[in-house]
Amino acid sequence: MAPLTRRTSLGSFLALLIIIAVFSLYVPSLSFHYLVSPPAPSAFGSSLSVCPSVYDVGRPPLDRSAQTCHPVPSKIPLFELEVCYTEGTCNQFTVRIRRTSAKECSEQEQTPDPSKDPVLTRWMRKQRGPDAFYIKTDGAERYASESAMYEGQCTYSFDVRLKNPGDTYVSIWWTFEVGLPFASTLNGN
């Protein structure tokens, strides 16, 4: 009975080798270059750049003085939106939101004190402003924030620095009034 088991095992092994050999003729082999995507274009631009490694701690800080700003259509006429970035950078940009009417801005800034604590009220008026926004990115990396930098005169900005290269989709909501979305979705790299 032992010779029959050996023959069966040897036959099964040979059949498996034949199946592998036949399929290898018809199935294209995978090589490393199929698994790696090409370098992503620079932030919202068309020129190619090399994105930094996610582990690169020597990455330069976001430099607003070198940025060029571009208007983006807003779904809410009370606000205008622009995205600012530096050519050749990867997934670092500033989103700036501002009220379109100086009169409405002044009215919003004159709202009643948000707190009974005068120190907290001063801080909120200086650091947060009269509006609130929520920004979220999807794509190669997810990011979310509701802490915009208040620049005064109803102007707000978010500095976004993503580490992962690739397409980035940005959504922004005006959260001052519940359920009212703020701005267009941006598509870029």
C-alpha atoms as a PDB file:
ATOM      1  CA  MET A   1       0.000   0.000   0.000  1.00  0.00           C
ATOM      2  CA  ALA A   2       2.959   2.340   0.574  1.00  0.00           C
ATOM      3  CA  PRO A   3       4.069   2.297  -3.116  1.00  0.00           C
ATOM      4  CA  LEU A   4       0.560   3.392  -4.195  1.00  0.00           C
ATOM      5  CA  THR A   5       0.680   6.429  -1.849  1.00  0.00           C
ATOM      6  CA  ARG A   6       4.088   7.436  -3.183  1.00  0.00           C
ATOM      7  CA  ARG A   7       2.874   7.155  -6.770  1.00  0.00           C
ATOM      8  CA  THR A   8      -0.223   9.229  -5.988  1.00  0.00           C
ATOM      9  CA  SER A   9       1.868  11.919  -4.274  1.00  0.00           C
ATOM     10  CA  LEU A  10       4.359  11.974  -7.162  1.00  0.00           C
ATOM     11  CA  GLY A  11       1.525  12.132  -9.704  1.00  0.00           C
ATOM     12  CA  SER A  12      -0.169  15.002  -7.865  1.00  0.00           C
ATOM     13  CA  PHE A  13       3.115  16.896  -7.674  1.00  0.00           C
ATOM     14  CA  LEU A  14       3.782  16.448 -11.412  1.00  0.00           C
ATOM     15  CA  ALA A  15       0.220  17.517 -12.271  1.00  0.00           C
ATOM     16  CA  LEU A  16       0.653  20.664 -10.181  1.00  0.00           C
ATOM     17  CA  LEU A  17       3.926  21.489 -11.972  1.00  0.00           C
ATOM     18  CA  ILE A  18       2.252  21.047 -15.365  1.00  0.00           C
ATOM     19  CA  ILE A  19      -0.648  23.318 -14.363  1.00  0.00           C
ATOM     20  CA  ILE A  20       1.763  26.005 -13.162  1.00  0.00           C
ATOM     21  CA  ALA A  21       3.797  25.744 -16.365  1.00  0.00           C
ATOM     22  CA  VAL A  22       0.700  26.019 -18.579  1.00  0.00           C
ATOM     23  CA  PHE A  23      -0.714  29.026 -16.704  1.00  0.00           C
ATOM     24  CA  SER A  24       2.636  30.794 -16.722  1.00  0.00           C
ATOM     25  CA  LEU A  25       2.491  30.784 -20.527  1.00  0.00           C
ATOM     26  CA  TYR A  26      -0.874  32.590 -20.582  1.00  0.00           C
ATOM     27  CA  VAL A  27      -0.727  34.900 -17.537  1.00  0.00           C
ATOM     28  CA  PRO A  28       1.496  37.980 -17.951  1.00  0.00           C
ATOM     29  CA  SER A  29       4.044  38.248 -15.217  1.00  0.00           C
ATOM     30  CA  LEU A  30       3.815  41.079 -12.749  1.00  0.00           C
ATOM     31  CA  SER A  31       6.845  43.237 -12.372  1.00  0.00           C
ATOM     32  CA  PHE A  32       7.571  46.034  -9.930  1.00  0.00           C
ATOM     33  CA  HIS A  33       6.846  48.869 -12.364  1.00  0.00           C
ATOM     34  CA  TYR A  34       3.171  47.836 -12.588  1.00  0.00           C
ATOM     35  CA  LEU A  35       2.811  48.500  -8.874  1.00  0.00           C
ATOM     36  CA  VAL A  36       4.361  51.970  -8.776  1.00  0.00           C
ATOM     37  CA  SER A  37       2.543  55.046 -10.051  1.00  0.00           C
ATOM     38  CA  PRO A  38       4.436  57.799 -11.900  1.00  0.00           C
ATOM     39  CA  PRO A  39       5.464  60.947  -9.997  1.00  0.00           C
ATOM     40  CA  ALA A  40       2.477  63.159  -9.218  1.00  0.00           C
ATOM     41  CA  PRO A  41       2.277  66.649 -10.748  1.00  0.00           C
ATOM     42  CA  SER A  42       2.954  69.547  -8.404  1.00  0.00           C
ATOM     43  CA  ALA A  43       0.214  71.063  -6.246  1.00  0.00           C
ATOM     44  CA  PHE A  44      -2.652  71.990  -8.590  1.00  0.00           C
ATOM     45  CA  GLY A  45      -0.163  72.417 -11.461  1.00  0.00           C
ATOM     46  CA  SER A  46       0.873  70.521 -14.538  1.00  0.00           C
ATOM     47  CA  SER A  47       4.652  70.401 -14.187  1.00  0.00           C
ATOM     48  CA  LEU A  48       6.197  67.310 -12.655  1.00  0.00           C
ATOM     49  CA  SER A  49       8.000  67.498  -9.332  1.00  0.00           C
ATOM     50  CA  VAL A  50       9.439  64.993  -6.947  1.00  0.00           C
ATOM     51  CA  CYS A  51       7.334  64.799  -3.807  1.00  0.00           C
ATOM     52  CA  PRO A  52       9.122  64.468  -0.474  1.00  0.00           C
ATOM     53  CA  SER A  53       9.053  61.259   1.461  1.00  0.00           C
ATOM     54  CA  VAL A  54       6.472  60.911   4.193  1.00  0.00           C
ATOM     55  CA  TYR A  55       9.375  60.338   6.537  1.00  0.00           C
ATOM     56  CA  ASP A  56      11.335  63.423   5.441  1.00  0.00           C
ATOM     57  CA  VAL A  57      11.507  65.674   8.495  1.00  0.00           C
ATOM     58  CA  GLY A  58      13.770  68.166   6.713  1.00  0.00           C
ATOM     59  CA  ARG A  59      10.903  69.444   4.569  1.00  0.00           C
ATOM     60  CA  PRO A  60      10.887  73.255   4.294  1.00  0.00           C
ATOM     61  CA  PRO A  61       7.988  75.116   5.945  1.00  0.00           C
ATOM     62  CA  LEU A  62       5.138  76.508   3.873  1.00  0.00           C
ATOM     63  CA  ASP A  63       6.278  79.872   2.492  1.00  0.00           C
ATOM     64  CA  ARG A  64       3.279  82.150   1.875  1.00  0.00           C
ATOM     65  CA  SER A  65       5.435  84.880   0.310  1.00  0.00           C
ATOM     66  CA  ALA A  66       6.337  82.545  -2.582  1.00  0.00           C
ATOM     67  CA  GLN A  67       2.738  81.460  -3.220  1.00  0.00           C
ATOM     68  CA  THR A  68       0.592  82.495  -6.159  1.00  0.00           C
ATOM     69  CA  CYS A  69      -3.142  82.710  -5.443  1.00  0.00           C
ATOM     70  CA  HIS A  70      -5.919  81.618  -7.779  1.00  0.00           C
ATOM     71  CA  PRO A  71      -9.672  82.332  -7.344  1.00  0.00           C
ATOM     72  CA  VAL A  72     -12.030  79.371  -7.005  1.00  0.00           C
ATOM     73  CA  PRO A  73     -15.806  79.660  -7.555  1.00  0.00           C
ATOM     74  CA  SER A  74     -17.793  79.738  -4.310  1.00  0.00           C
ATOM     75  CA  LYS A  75     -21.259  78.243  -3.890  1.00  0.00           C
ATOM     76  CA  ILE A  76     -22.159  80.935  -1.362  1.00  0.00           C
ATOM     77  CA  PRO A  77     -22.138  84.504  -2.723  1.00  0.00           C
ATOM     78  CA  LEU A  78     -21.330  85.928   0.750  1.00  0.00           C
ATOM     79  CA  PHE A  79     -17.787  84.546   0.458  1.00  0.00           C
ATOM     80  CA  GLU A  80     -14.987  84.391  -2.061  1.00  0.00           C
ATOM     81  CA  LEU A  81     -12.375  81.668  -2.060  1.00  0.00           C
ATOM     82  CA  GLU A  82      -8.827  81.375  -3.352  1.00  0.00           C
ATOM     83  CA  VAL A  83      -6.194  78.684  -3.243  1.00  0.00           C
ATOM     84  CA  CYS A  84      -2.541  79.676  -3.023  1.00  0.00           C
ATOM     85  CA  TYR A  85       0.457  77.466  -3.726  1.00  0.00           C
ATOM     86  CA  THR A  86       4.049  77.560  -4.877  1.00  0.00           C
ATOM     87  CA  GLU A  87       4.931  75.919  -8.195  1.00  0.00           C
ATOM     88  CA  GLY A  88       7.103  72.871  -7.668  1.00  0.00           C
ATOM     89  CA  THR A  89       5.761  72.041  -4.218  1.00  0.00           C
ATOM     90  CA  CYS A  90       3.787  68.931  -3.517  1.00  0.00           C
ATOM     91  CA  ASN A  91       0.500  68.987  -1.600  1.00  0.00           C
ATOM     92  CA  GLN A  92       1.098  72.158   0.381  1.00  0.00           C
ATOM     93  CA  PHE A  93      -1.241  75.039  -0.133  1.00  0.00           C
ATOM     94  CA  THR A  94      -3.213  77.789   1.583  1.00  0.00           C
ATOM     95  CA  VAL A  95      -6.965  78.189   1.261  1.00  0.00           C
ATOM     96  CA  ARG A  96      -8.179  81.750   1.918  1.00  0.00           C
ATOM     97  CA  ILE A  97     -11.828  82.622   2.502  1.00  0.00           C
ATOM     98  CA  ARG A  98     -13.182  86.169   2.804  1.00  0.00           C
ATOM     99  CA  ARG A  99     -16.537  87.855   2.999  1.00  0.00           C
ATOM    100  CA  THR A 100     -17.418  89.768  -0.157  1.00  0.00           C
ATOM    101  CA  SER A 101     -19.204  92.636   1.638  1.00  0.00           C
ATOM    102  CA  ALA A 102     -17.364  94.969   4.038  1.00  0.00           C
ATOM    103  CA  LYS A 103     -20.746  96.067   5.442  1.00  0.00           C
ATOM    104  CA  GLU A 104     -21.808  92.512   6.281  1.00  0.00           C
ATOM    105  CA  CYS A 105     -18.389  91.851   7.747  1.00  0.00           C
ATOM    106  CA  SER A 106     -18.728  94.845  10.043  1.00  0.00           C
ATOM    107  CA  GLU A 107     -22.202  93.703  11.103  1.00  0.00           C
ATOM    108  CA  GLN A 108     -20.914  90.211  11.877  1.00  0.00           C
ATOM    109  CA  GLU A 109     -17.993  91.578  13.882  1.00  0.00           C
ATOM    110  CA  GLN A 110     -20.417  93.681  15.991  1.00  0.00           C
ATOM    111  CA  THR A 111     -22.429  90.674  17.172  1.00  0.00           C
ATOM    112  CA  PRO A 112     -22.998  90.289  20.929  1.00  0.00           C
ATOM    113  CA  ASP A 113     -20.139  88.998  23.030  1.00  0.00           C
ATOM    114  CA  PRO A 114     -19.795  85.228  22.677  1.00  0.00           C
ATOM    115  CA  SER A 115     -18.788  84.827  26.329  1.00  0.00           C
ATOM    116  CA  LYS A 116     -19.279  86.478  29.720  1.00  0.00           C
ATOM    117  CA  ASP A 117     -15.516  86.203  30.189  1.00  0.00           C
ATOM    118  CA  PRO A 118     -13.978  89.340  28.585  1.00  0.00           C
ATOM    119  CA  VAL A 119     -10.576  87.656  28.072  1.00  0.00           C
ATOM    120  CA  LEU A 120     -12.173  84.754  26.211  1.00  0.00           C
ATOM    121  CA  THR A 121     -14.326  87.151  24.165  1.00  0.00           C
ATOM    122  CA  ARG A 122     -11.242  89.166  23.108  1.00  0.00           C
ATOM    123  CA  TRP A 123      -9.413  85.976  22.167  1.00  0.00           C
ATOM    124  CA  MET A 124     -12.371  84.674  20.135  1.00  0.00           C
ATOM    125  CA  ARG A 125     -12.774  87.962  18.257  1.00  0.00           C
ATOM    126  CA  LYS A 126      -9.032  88.244  17.530  1.00  0.00           C
ATOM    127  CA  GLN A 127      -8.194  84.564  16.818  1.00  0.00           C
ATOM    128  CA  ARG A 128     -11.435  83.068  15.447  1.00  0.00           C
ATOM    129  CA  GLY A 129     -13.500  85.867  13.903  1.00  0.00           C
ATOM    130  CA  PRO A 130     -17.281  85.912  13.441  1.00  0.00           C
ATOM    131  CA  ASP A 131     -17.482  82.897  11.079  1.00  0.00           C
ATOM    132  CA  ALA A 132     -16.536  79.255  11.380  1.00  0.00           C
ATOM    133  CA  PHE A 133     -15.379  76.847   8.669  1.00  0.00           C
ATOM    134  CA  TYR A 134     -14.511  73.189   8.340  1.00  0.00           C
ATOM    135  CA  ILE A 135     -11.992  71.949   5.763  1.00  0.00           C
ATOM    136  CA  LYS A 136     -11.466  68.329   4.757  1.00  0.00           C
ATOM    137  CA  THR A 137      -9.201  66.642   2.218  1.00  0.00           C
ATOM    138  CA  ASP A 138      -9.638  63.245   0.642  1.00  0.00           C
ATOM    139  CA  GLY A 139      -7.407  61.348  -1.709  1.00  0.00           C
ATOM    140  CA  ALA A 140      -3.846  60.316  -1.026  1.00  0.00           C
ATOM    141  CA  GLU A 141      -4.157  61.630   2.536  1.00  0.00           C
ATOM    142  CA  ARG A 142      -7.050  62.654   4.732  1.00  0.00           C
ATOM    143  CA  TYR A 143      -6.884  65.891   6.678  1.00  0.00           C
ATOM    144  CA  ALA A 144      -9.530  67.862   8.539  1.00  0.00           C
ATOM    145  CA  SER A 145      -9.520  71.088  10.516  1.00  0.00           C
ATOM    146  CA  GLU A 146     -11.886  73.682  11.868  1.00  0.00           C
ATOM    147  CA  SER A 147      -9.117  75.965  13.122  1.00  0.00           C
ATOM    148  CA  ALA A 148      -8.698  78.624  10.486  1.00  0.00           C
ATOM    149  CA  MET A 149      -6.261  81.464  11.072  1.00  0.00           C
ATOM    150  CA  TYR A 150      -8.268  84.680  11.350  1.00  0.00           C
ATOM    151  CA  GLU A 151      -6.522  87.423   9.373  1.00  0.00           C
ATOM    152  CA  GLY A 152      -9.017  90.167  10.308  1.00  0.00           C
ATOM    153  CA  GLN A 153     -11.713  91.882   8.224  1.00  0.00           C
ATOM    154  CA  CYS A 154     -13.622  88.570   7.846  1.00  0.00           C
ATOM    155  CA  THR A 155     -10.714  86.825   6.114  1.00  0.00           C
ATOM    156  CA  TYR A 156      -9.725  83.300   7.143  1.00  0.00           C
ATOM    157  CA  SER A 157      -6.964  80.985   5.974  1.00  0.00           C
ATOM    158  CA  PHE A 158      -6.031  77.335   6.318  1.00  0.00           C
ATOM    159  CA  ASP A 159      -2.434  76.262   5.680  1.00  0.00           C
ATOM    160  CA  VAL A 160      -2.533  72.636   4.519  1.00  0.00           C
ATOM    161  CA  ARG A 161       0.610  70.472   4.387  1.00  0.00           C
ATOM    162  CA  LEU A 162      -0.017  66.915   3.329  1.00  0.00           C
ATOM    163  CA  LYS A 163       2.719  64.292   3.394  1.00  0.00           C
ATOM    164  CA  ASN A 164       1.416  61.716   0.924  1.00  0.00           C
ATOM    165  CA  PRO A 165       1.793  62.572  -2.780  1.00  0.00           C
ATOM    166  CA  GLY A 166      -1.195  62.156  -5.077  1.00  0.00           C
ATOM    167  CA  ASP A 167      -4.534  63.657  -6.001  1.00  0.00           C
ATOM    168  CA  THR A 168      -6.112  65.803  -3.317  1.00  0.00           C
ATOM    169  CA  TYR A 169      -9.779  66.730  -3.115  1.00  0.00           C
ATOM    170  CA  VAL A 170     -10.642  69.639  -0.830  1.00  0.00           C
ATOM    171  CA  SER A 171     -14.093  70.371   0.592  1.00  0.00           C
ATOM    172  CA  ILE A 172     -14.935  73.362   2.787  1.00  0.00           C
ATOM    173  CA  TRP A 173     -18.108  74.020   4.761  1.00  0.00           C
ATOM    174  CA  TRP A 174     -19.272  77.254   6.352  1.00  0.00           C
ATOM    175  CA  THR A 175     -20.381  75.982   9.742  1.00  0.00           C
ATOM    176  CA  PHE A 176     -21.726  79.291  11.051  1.00  0.00           C
ATOM    177  CA  GLU A 177     -25.197  78.227   9.897  1.00  0.00           C
ATOM    178  CA  VAL A 178     -26.061  74.549  10.191  1.00  0.00           C
ATOM    179  CA  GLY A 179     -26.296  72.606   6.935  1.00  0.00           C
ATOM    180  CA  LEU A 180     -24.998  75.343   4.646  1.00  0.00           C
ATOM    181  CA  PRO A 181     -22.021  74.057   2.647  1.00  0.00           C
ATOM    182  CA  PHE A 182     -19.430  76.634   1.758  1.00  0.00           C
ATOM    183  CA  ALA A 183     -17.262  76.215  -1.267  1.00  0.00           C
ATOM    184  CA  SER A 184     -16.549  74.230  -4.348  1.00  0.00           C
ATOM    185  CA  THR A 185     -14.565  71.032  -4.260  1.00  0.00           C
ATOM    186  CA  LEU A 186     -11.063  71.478  -5.582  1.00  0.00           C
ATOM    187  CA  ASN A 187      -9.229  68.792  -7.506  1.00  0.00           C
ATOM    188  CA  GLY A 188      -5.481  68.912  -7.706  1.00  0.00           C
ATOM    189  CA  ASN A 189      -2.241  67.270  -6.781  1.00  0.00           C
END
